[in-house]
C-alpha atoms as a PDB file:
ATOM      1  CA  MET A   1       1.986  28.671   9.241  1.00  0.00           C
ATOM      2  CA  THR A   2       0.577  25.193   8.305  1.00  0.00           C
ATOM      3  CA  HIS A   3       2.572  22.064   8.501  1.00  0.00           C
ATOM      4  CA  THR A   4       2.094  19.011   5.912  1.00  0.00           C
ATOM      5  CA  VAL A   5       1.537  15.781   7.844  1.00  0.00           C
ATOM      6  CA  HIS A   6       1.383  12.346   6.454  1.00  0.00           C
ATOM      7  CA  PRO A   7      -2.218  11.179   6.758  1.00  0.00           C
ATOM      8  CA  TYR A   8      -1.382   7.662   8.033  1.00  0.00           C
ATOM      9  CA  ALA A   9       1.302   8.812  10.490  1.00  0.00           C
ATOM     10  CA  HIS A  10      -1.154  11.476  11.681  1.00  0.00           C
ATOM     11  CA  ARG A  11      -3.657   8.793  12.722  1.00  0.00           C
ATOM     12  CA  LEU A  12      -0.829   6.294  14.466  1.00  0.00           C
ATOM     13  CA  GLY A  13      -2.261   4.955  17.913  1.00  0.00           C
ATOM     14  CA  ILE A  14      -5.610   6.108  17.111  1.00  0.00           C
ATOM     15  CA  LEU A  15      -7.247   4.715  13.905  1.00  0.00           C
ATOM     16  CA  ARG A  16      -3.971   2.944  12.216  1.00  0.00           C
ATOM     17  CA  ASP A  17      -1.783   0.423  13.692  1.00  0.00           C
ATOM     18  CA  TRP A  18       1.996   0.074  12.801  1.00  0.00           C
ATOM     19  CA  LYS A  19       2.931  -1.739   9.718  1.00  0.00           C
ATOM     20  CA  SER A  20       5.849  -3.468  11.442  1.00  0.00           C
ATOM     21  CA  ARG A  21       5.172  -5.026  14.959  1.00  0.00           C
ATOM     22  CA  TRP A  22       7.987  -6.113  16.878  1.00  0.00           C
ATOM     23  CA  PHE A  23      10.278  -5.469  19.926  1.00  0.00           C
ATOM     24  CA  SER A  24      14.370  -6.097  19.176  1.00  0.00           C
ATOM     25  CA  PRO A  25      16.613  -7.481  21.536  1.00  0.00           C
ATOM     26  CA  LYS A  26      19.642  -5.315  22.565  1.00  0.00           C
ATOM     27  CA  GLY A  27      21.952  -4.606  19.195  1.00  0.00           C
ATOM     28  CA  LYS A  28      19.276  -6.371  16.941  1.00  0.00           C
ATOM     29  CA  TYR A  29      17.449  -3.125  15.874  1.00  0.00           C
ATOM     30  CA  SER A  30      19.319  -2.604  12.463  1.00  0.00           C
ATOM     31  CA  GLU A  31      19.204  -6.441  11.601  1.00  0.00           C
ATOM     32  CA  PHE A  32      15.319  -6.490  12.028  1.00  0.00           C
ATOM     33  CA  LEU A  33      14.853  -3.100  10.236  1.00  0.00           C
ATOM     34  CA  ARG A  34      16.960  -4.182   7.276  1.00  0.00           C
ATOM     35  CA  ALA A  35      15.050  -7.567   6.904  1.00  0.00           C
ATOM     36  CA  ASP A  36      11.846  -5.633   6.990  1.00  0.00           C
ATOM     37  CA  VAL A  37      13.319  -3.127   4.298  1.00  0.00           C
ATOM     38  CA  LEU A  38      14.513  -6.147   2.233  1.00  0.00           C
ATOM     39  CA  VAL A  39      11.188  -7.957   2.514  1.00  0.00           C
ATOM     40  CA  ARG A  40       9.210  -4.940   1.317  1.00  0.00           C
ATOM     41  CA  GLU A  41      11.246  -4.013  -1.712  1.00  0.00           C
ATOM     42  CA  PHE A  42      11.301  -7.789  -2.883  1.00  0.00           C
ATOM     43  CA  LEU A  43       7.525  -8.090  -2.485  1.00  0.00           C
ATOM     44  CA  GLU A  44       7.168  -4.645  -4.095  1.00  0.00           C
ATOM     45  CA  LYS A  45       8.922  -5.749  -7.306  1.00  0.00           C
ATOM     46  CA  ARG A  46       7.713  -9.648  -7.187  1.00  0.00           C
ATOM     47  CA  LEU A  47       3.931  -8.760  -6.770  1.00  0.00           C
ATOM     48  CA  LYS A  48       3.837  -5.967  -9.415  1.00  0.00           C
ATOM     49  CA  GLY A  49       0.360  -5.780 -10.924  1.00  0.00           C
ATOM     50  CA  PHE A  50      -0.975  -7.881  -8.419  1.00  0.00           C
ATOM     51  CA  TYR A  51      -2.801  -5.104  -6.751  1.00  0.00           C
ATOM     52  CA  VAL A  52      -1.218  -5.538  -3.544  1.00  0.00           C
ATOM     53  CA  ALA A  53      -2.663  -3.113  -1.004  1.00  0.00           C
ATOM     54  CA  ASP A  54      -0.328  -3.264   1.932  1.00  0.00           C
ATOM     55  CA  VAL A  55       2.673  -5.578   3.627  1.00  0.00           C
ATOM     56  CA  GLU A  56       2.480  -6.199   7.550  1.00  0.00           C
ATOM     57  CA  ILE A  57       5.254  -7.727   9.233  1.00  0.00           C
ATOM     58  CA  GLU A  58       4.961  -9.348  12.737  1.00  0.00           C
ATOM     59  CA  ARG A  59       7.862 -10.995  14.477  1.00  0.00           C
ATOM     60  CA  SER A  60       7.970 -13.221  17.574  1.00  0.00           C
ATOM     61  CA  GLN A  61      10.881 -15.572  18.945  1.00  0.00           C
ATOM     62  CA  LYS A  62       9.730 -18.589  16.891  1.00  0.00           C
ATOM     63  CA  ALA A  63       8.168 -16.953  13.714  1.00  0.00           C
ATOM     64  CA  PHE A  64       8.600 -14.089  10.978  1.00  0.00           C
ATOM     65  CA  HIS A  65       5.163 -13.530   9.955  1.00  0.00           C
ATOM     66  CA  ILE A  66       4.332 -11.490   6.610  1.00  0.00           C
ATOM     67  CA  ILE A  67       0.779 -10.479   6.000  1.00  0.00           C
ATOM     68  CA  VAL A  68      -0.132  -9.606   2.178  1.00  0.00           C
ATOM     69  CA  SER A  69      -3.204  -7.824   1.650  1.00  0.00           C
ATOM     70  CA  THR A  70      -4.341  -8.051  -2.248  1.00  0.00           C
ATOM     71  CA  SER A  71      -7.574  -7.832  -4.093  1.00  0.00           C
ATOM     72  CA  ARG A  72      -5.965 -10.696  -6.214  1.00  0.00           C
ATOM     73  CA  PRO A  73      -5.461 -13.494  -3.825  1.00  0.00           C
ATOM     74  CA  GLY A  74      -5.882 -16.229  -6.228  1.00  0.00           C
ATOM     75  CA  MET A  75      -3.027 -15.192  -8.689  1.00  0.00           C
ATOM     76  CA  ILE A  76      -0.455 -14.991  -5.814  1.00  0.00           C
ATOM     77  CA  ILE A  77      -1.577 -18.216  -3.972  1.00  0.00           C
ATOM     78  CA  GLY A  78      -1.700 -20.050  -7.490  1.00  0.00           C
ATOM     79  CA  ARG A  79      -3.203 -23.789  -8.054  1.00  0.00           C
ATOM     80  CA  ALA A  80      -2.923 -25.844  -4.734  1.00  0.00           C
ATOM     81  CA  GLY A  81      -0.886 -23.068  -3.061  1.00  0.00           C
ATOM     82  CA  ASP A  82       2.126 -23.400  -5.280  1.00  0.00           C
ATOM     83  CA  GLY A  83       2.537 -19.695  -5.731  1.00  0.00           C
ATOM     84  CA  SER A  84       2.403 -18.830  -2.169  1.00  0.00           C
ATOM     85  CA  GLN A  85       4.882 -21.853  -1.236  1.00  0.00           C
ATOM     86  CA  LYS A  86       7.402 -20.483  -3.769  1.00  0.00           C
ATOM     87  CA  LEU A  87       6.842 -16.985  -2.574  1.00  0.00           C
ATOM     88  CA  ARG A  88       7.701 -18.052   1.058  1.00  0.00           C
ATOM     89  CA  ASP A  89      10.782 -20.056  -0.015  1.00  0.00           C
ATOM     90  CA  ASP A  90      12.161 -17.176  -2.145  1.00  0.00           C
ATOM     91  CA  LEU A  91      11.684 -14.974   1.157  1.00  0.00           C
ATOM     92  CA  LYS A  92      13.652 -17.757   3.222  1.00  0.00           C
ATOM     93  CA  LYS A  93      16.458 -17.560   0.622  1.00  0.00           C
ATOM     94  CA  LEU A  94      16.268 -13.543   0.527  1.00  0.00           C
ATOM     95  CA  LEU A  95      16.825 -13.475   4.410  1.00  0.00           C
ATOM     96  CA  ALA A  96      19.371 -16.457   4.651  1.00  0.00           C
ATOM     97  CA  LYS A  97      21.990 -14.739   2.303  1.00  0.00           C
ATOM     98  CA  PRO A  98      22.718 -11.780   4.551  1.00  0.00           C
ATOM     99  CA  LYS A  99      22.072 -14.177   7.574  1.00  0.00           C
ATOM    100  CA  LEU A 100      19.097 -11.802   8.750  1.00  0.00           C
ATOM    101  CA  LEU A 101      17.041 -14.881   9.690  1.00  0.00           C
ATOM    102  CA  PRO A 102      18.110 -17.137  12.569  1.00  0.00           C
ATOM    103  CA  ALA A 103      17.944 -20.856  11.933  1.00  0.00           C
ATOM    104  CA  ASN A 104      15.279 -21.645  14.390  1.00  0.00           C
ATOM    105  CA  VAL A 105      12.717 -18.928  13.161  1.00  0.00           C
ATOM    106  CA  GLU A 106      10.037 -20.031  11.007  1.00  0.00           C
ATOM    107  CA  VAL A 107       8.763 -17.845   7.859  1.00  0.00           C
ATOM    108  CA  LYS A 108       5.131 -17.491   7.797  1.00  0.00           C
ATOM    109  CA  LEU A 109       3.351 -16.296   4.901  1.00  0.00           C
ATOM    110  CA  ASP A 110      -0.264 -15.163   4.825  1.00  0.00           C
ATOM    111  CA  ILE A 111      -2.330 -13.684   1.853  1.00  0.00           C
ATOM    112  CA  LYS A 112      -5.517 -11.648   2.922  1.00  0.00           C
ATOM    113  CA  GLU A 113      -8.371 -10.898   0.665  1.00  0.00           C
ATOM    114  CA  VAL A 114      -9.354  -6.877   0.221  1.00  0.00           C
ATOM    115  CA  LYS A 115     -12.967  -7.116  -0.143  1.00  0.00           C
ATOM    116  CA  SER A 116     -13.474  -3.413  -1.336  1.00  0.00           C
ATOM    117  CA  PRO A 117     -10.524  -2.559  -3.515  1.00  0.00           C
ATOM    118  CA  GLU A 118     -11.859   0.605  -4.871  1.00  0.00           C
ATOM    119  CA  SER A 119     -11.889   2.001  -1.326  1.00  0.00           C
ATOM    120  CA  ASN A 120      -8.203   1.178  -0.926  1.00  0.00           C
ATOM    121  CA  ALA A 121      -5.822   4.168  -2.011  1.00  0.00           C
ATOM    122  CA  ALA A 122      -2.799   1.777  -3.012  1.00  0.00           C
ATOM    123  CA  ILE A 123      -5.000  -0.551  -5.326  1.00  0.00           C
ATOM    124  CA  VAL A 124      -6.481   2.679  -6.848  1.00  0.00           C
ATOM    125  CA  ALA A 125      -3.024   4.318  -7.326  1.00  0.00           C
ATOM    126  CA  GLN A 126      -1.918   1.076  -8.842  1.00  0.00           C
ATOM    127  CA  MET A 127      -5.030   1.356 -11.345  1.00  0.00           C
ATOM    128  CA  VAL A 128      -3.975   4.797 -12.517  1.00  0.00           C
ATOM    129  CA  VAL A 129      -0.493   4.082 -12.818  1.00  0.00           C
ATOM    130  CA  GLU A 130      -1.569   0.951 -15.123  1.00  0.00           C
ATOM    131  CA  GLY A 131      -3.589   3.233 -17.068  1.00  0.00           C
ATOM    132  CA  LEU A 132      -0.729   6.097 -17.378  1.00  0.00           C
ATOM    133  CA  GLU A 133       2.074   3.186 -18.463  1.00  0.00           C
ATOM    134  CA  LYS A 134      -0.284   1.920 -20.956  1.00  0.00           C
ATOM    135  CA  ARG A 135      -0.183   5.493 -22.634  1.00  0.00           C
ATOM    136  CA  LEU A 136      -3.981   6.321 -22.063  1.00  0.00           C
ATOM    137  CA  PRO A 137      -4.797   9.880 -21.691  1.00  0.00           C
ATOM    138  CA  PHE A 138      -4.327  10.901 -18.389  1.00  0.00           C
ATOM    139  CA  ARG A 139      -7.597  13.040 -17.970  1.00  0.00           C
ATOM    140  CA  ARG A 140      -9.387  10.265 -19.054  1.00  0.00           C
ATOM    141  CA  VAL A 141      -7.347   8.013 -16.567  1.00  0.00           C
ATOM    142  CA  VAL A 142      -8.083  10.302 -13.579  1.00  0.00           C
ATOM    143  CA  LYS A 143     -11.662  10.916 -14.550  1.00  0.00           C
ATOM    144  CA  SER A 144     -12.685   7.248 -14.802  1.00  0.00           C
ATOM    145  CA  THR A 145     -10.754   6.335 -11.794  1.00  0.00           C
ATOM    146  CA  LEU A 146     -12.870   9.264  -9.704  1.00  0.00           C
ATOM    147  CA  GLU A 147     -16.003   7.905 -11.057  1.00  0.00           C
ATOM    148  CA  LYS A 148     -15.283   4.269 -10.143  1.00  0.00           C
ATOM    149  CA  VAL A 149     -14.097   4.835  -6.522  1.00  0.00           C
ATOM    150  CA  MET A 150     -17.324   7.369  -5.849  1.00  0.00           C
ATOM    151  CA  ALA A 151     -19.600   4.611  -7.016  1.00  0.00           C
ATOM    152  CA  ASN A 152     -18.456   2.751  -3.923  1.00  0.00           C
ATOM    153  CA  ARG A 153     -20.870   2.965  -0.825  1.00  0.00           C
ATOM    154  CA  ASP A 154     -18.038   3.252   1.712  1.00  0.00           C
ATOM    155  CA  VAL A 155     -16.252   6.359   0.227  1.00  0.00           C
ATOM    156  CA  LEU A 156     -17.414   9.894   0.958  1.00  0.00           C
ATOM    157  CA  GLY A 157     -14.307  11.608  -0.902  1.00  0.00           C
ATOM    158  CA  VAL A 158     -11.246  11.034  -3.246  1.00  0.00           C
ATOM    159  CA  ARG A 159      -8.559  13.245  -4.725  1.00  0.00           C
ATOM    160  CA  VAL A 160      -6.047  12.269  -7.457  1.00  0.00           C
ATOM    161  CA  PHE A 161      -2.979  14.120  -7.771  1.00  0.00           C
ATOM    162  CA  LEU A 162      -0.460  13.880 -10.767  1.00  0.00           C
ATOM    163  CA  ALA A 163       2.893  15.499 -11.351  1.00  0.00           C
ATOM    164  CA  GLY A 164       5.423  15.268 -14.042  1.00  0.00           C
ATOM    165  CA  ARG A 165       5.600  15.298 -17.754  1.00  0.00           C
ATOM    166  CA  LEU A 166       1.975  14.678 -18.356  1.00  0.00           C
ATOM    167  CA  GLY A 167       0.951  13.445 -21.906  1.00  0.00           C
ATOM    168  CA  GLY A 168       4.814  13.412 -22.946  1.00  0.00           C
ATOM    169  CA  ALA A 169       5.028  17.329 -22.632  1.00  0.00           C
ATOM    170  CA  THR A 170       8.661  19.135 -22.568  1.00  0.00           C
ATOM    171  CA  MET A 171       7.662  21.109 -19.433  1.00  0.00           C
ATOM    172  CA  SER A 172       6.314  19.068 -16.335  1.00  0.00           C
ATOM    173  CA  ARG A 173       3.204  20.296 -14.468  1.00  0.00           C
ATOM    174  CA  THR A 174       0.539  18.899 -12.329  1.00  0.00           C
ATOM    175  CA  GLU A 175      -3.047  17.808 -12.369  1.00  0.00           C
ATOM    176  CA  ASP A 176      -5.260  17.502  -9.164  1.00  0.00           C
ATOM    177  CA  ARG A 177      -8.759  16.386  -9.171  1.00  0.00           C
ATOM    178  CA  LYS A 178     -11.171  15.961  -6.445  1.00  0.00           C
ATOM    179  CA  LEU A 179     -14.786  14.406  -5.816  1.00  0.00           C
ATOM    180  CA  GLY A 180     -16.333  14.669  -2.386  1.00  0.00           C
ATOM    181  CA  ARG A 181     -14.601  15.834   0.656  1.00  0.00           C
ATOM    182  CA  ILE A 182     -11.279  14.961   2.548  1.00  0.00           C
ATOM    183  CA  PRO A 183     -10.792  16.010   5.958  1.00  0.00           C
ATOM    184  CA  LEU A 184      -6.978  15.680   6.695  1.00  0.00           C
ATOM    185  CA  GLN A 185      -6.932  17.366  10.270  1.00  0.00           C
ATOM    186  CA  THR A 186      -9.761  15.298  11.775  1.00  0.00           C
ATOM    187  CA  PHE A 187      -8.275  12.540  13.412  1.00  0.00           C
ATOM    188  CA  ARG A 188     -11.507  10.344  13.594  1.00  0.00           C
ATOM    189  CA  ALA A 189     -11.657  10.707   9.871  1.00  0.00           C
ATOM    190  CA  ASP A 190     -10.657   7.507   7.982  1.00  0.00           C
ATOM    191  CA  VAL A 191      -8.523   8.945   5.392  1.00  0.00           C
ATOM    192  CA  ASP A 192      -6.336   6.300   3.189  1.00  0.00           C
ATOM    193  CA  TYR A 193      -3.165   7.641   1.669  1.00  0.00           C
ATOM    194  CA  ILE A 194      -0.696   6.567  -0.857  1.00  0.00           C
ATOM    195  CA  SER A 195       2.134   8.065  -2.890  1.00  0.00           C
ATOM    196  CA  THR A 196       3.531   6.098  -5.823  1.00  0.00           C
ATOM    197  CA  LYS A 197       4.994   6.601  -9.362  1.00  0.00           C
ATOM    198  CA  ALA A 198       4.598   5.535 -12.904  1.00  0.00           C
ATOM    199  CA  ILE A 199       7.454   4.667 -14.931  1.00  0.00           C
ATOM    200  CA  MET A 200       7.140   6.306 -18.362  1.00  0.00           C
ATOM    201  CA  PRO A 201       9.705   6.222 -21.261  1.00  0.00           C
ATOM    202  CA  TYR A 202      10.421   9.836 -21.078  1.00  0.00           C
ATOM    203  CA  GLY A 203      10.594   9.898 -17.045  1.00  0.00           C
ATOM    204  CA  THR A 204       8.432   9.342 -13.968  1.00  0.00           C
ATOM    205  CA  ILE A 205       5.150  10.763 -13.180  1.00  0.00           C
ATOM    206  CA  GLY A 206       4.097  11.001  -9.493  1.00  0.00           C
ATOM    207  CA  VAL A 207       0.850   9.852  -8.267  1.00  0.00           C
ATOM    208  CA  LYS A 208      -0.831  10.472  -5.082  1.00  0.00           C
ATOM    209  CA  VAL A 209      -4.293   9.340  -4.022  1.00  0.00           C
ATOM    210  CA  TRP A 210      -6.279  10.310  -0.791  1.00  0.00           C
ATOM    211  CA  ILE A 211      -9.659   8.477  -0.199  1.00  0.00           C
ATOM    212  CA  TYR A 212     -12.050   9.300   2.729  1.00  0.00           C
ATOM    213  CA  ARG A 213     -14.132   6.503   4.014  1.00  0.00           C
ATOM    214  CA  GLY A 214     -16.198   8.192   6.766  1.00  0.00           C
ATOM    215  CA  ASP A 215     -15.708   8.871  10.461  1.00  0.00           C
ATOM    216  CA  VAL A 216     -14.594   6.292  12.889  1.00  0.00           C
ATOM    217  CA  PHE A 217     -15.775   6.341  16.580  1.00  0.00           C
ATOM    218  CA  GLU A 218     -14.630   4.543  19.793  1.00  0.00           C
ATOM    219  CA  LYS A 219     -17.493   2.283  19.714  1.00  0.00           C
ATOM    220  CA  GLU A 220     -16.667   1.084  16.021  1.00  0.00           C
ATOM    221  CA  ILE A 221     -12.969   0.755  16.789  1.00  0.00           C
ATOM    222  CA  GLY A 222     -13.988  -1.484  19.813  1.00  0.00           C
ATOM    223  CA  ASN A 223     -15.993  -3.616  17.828  1.00  0.00           C
ATOM    224  CA  LYS A 224     -13.247  -4.095  15.051  1.00  0.00           C
ATOM    225  CA  LYS A 225     -10.665  -5.079  17.827  1.00  0.00           C
END
């Protein structure tokens, strides 16, 4: 029997690193985890439509470091850095209410630019969701997305899967389109994956995206470090 594994978790410690990086003192794990969940949920709502690819969290004794990767950094940072400063202050308030942030810990916020948005599964999924929520025909949205992604030199394969009341139909169904190849069981295969949903007037449509960006070997991992 086969066993479906999350493509990100499948490669942890091989090609991928953990999205939250910290060690908790005794009895603090639940607090740290709650703070991480609150920050991620807040940023997901606040930065919707800003094409956020990833939110990484690092902790030390004196700093709570949040790294947001996006293809639209200018929209988040704002003029003269006003946007990022306000976002940082709001994050401090969010963590101060349930007393999840000690007084001596500083909140740091870094905005990182994603150079190639078409090769990032999270950003591509947001493009699909945006098209569906604008009530564009789902087949056209999927086809144009696949072509746009495959036009990128870094991408060797892409798959988009939709499930729900597609086109407002009474019965839910699925639509699955693929270009190139997606080797899910190969550890060295750099497969990016995301699962999200489009909120429609008649219910939600599930969206899954897989993007294969070639194989990564030991020498390349060493160079990246």
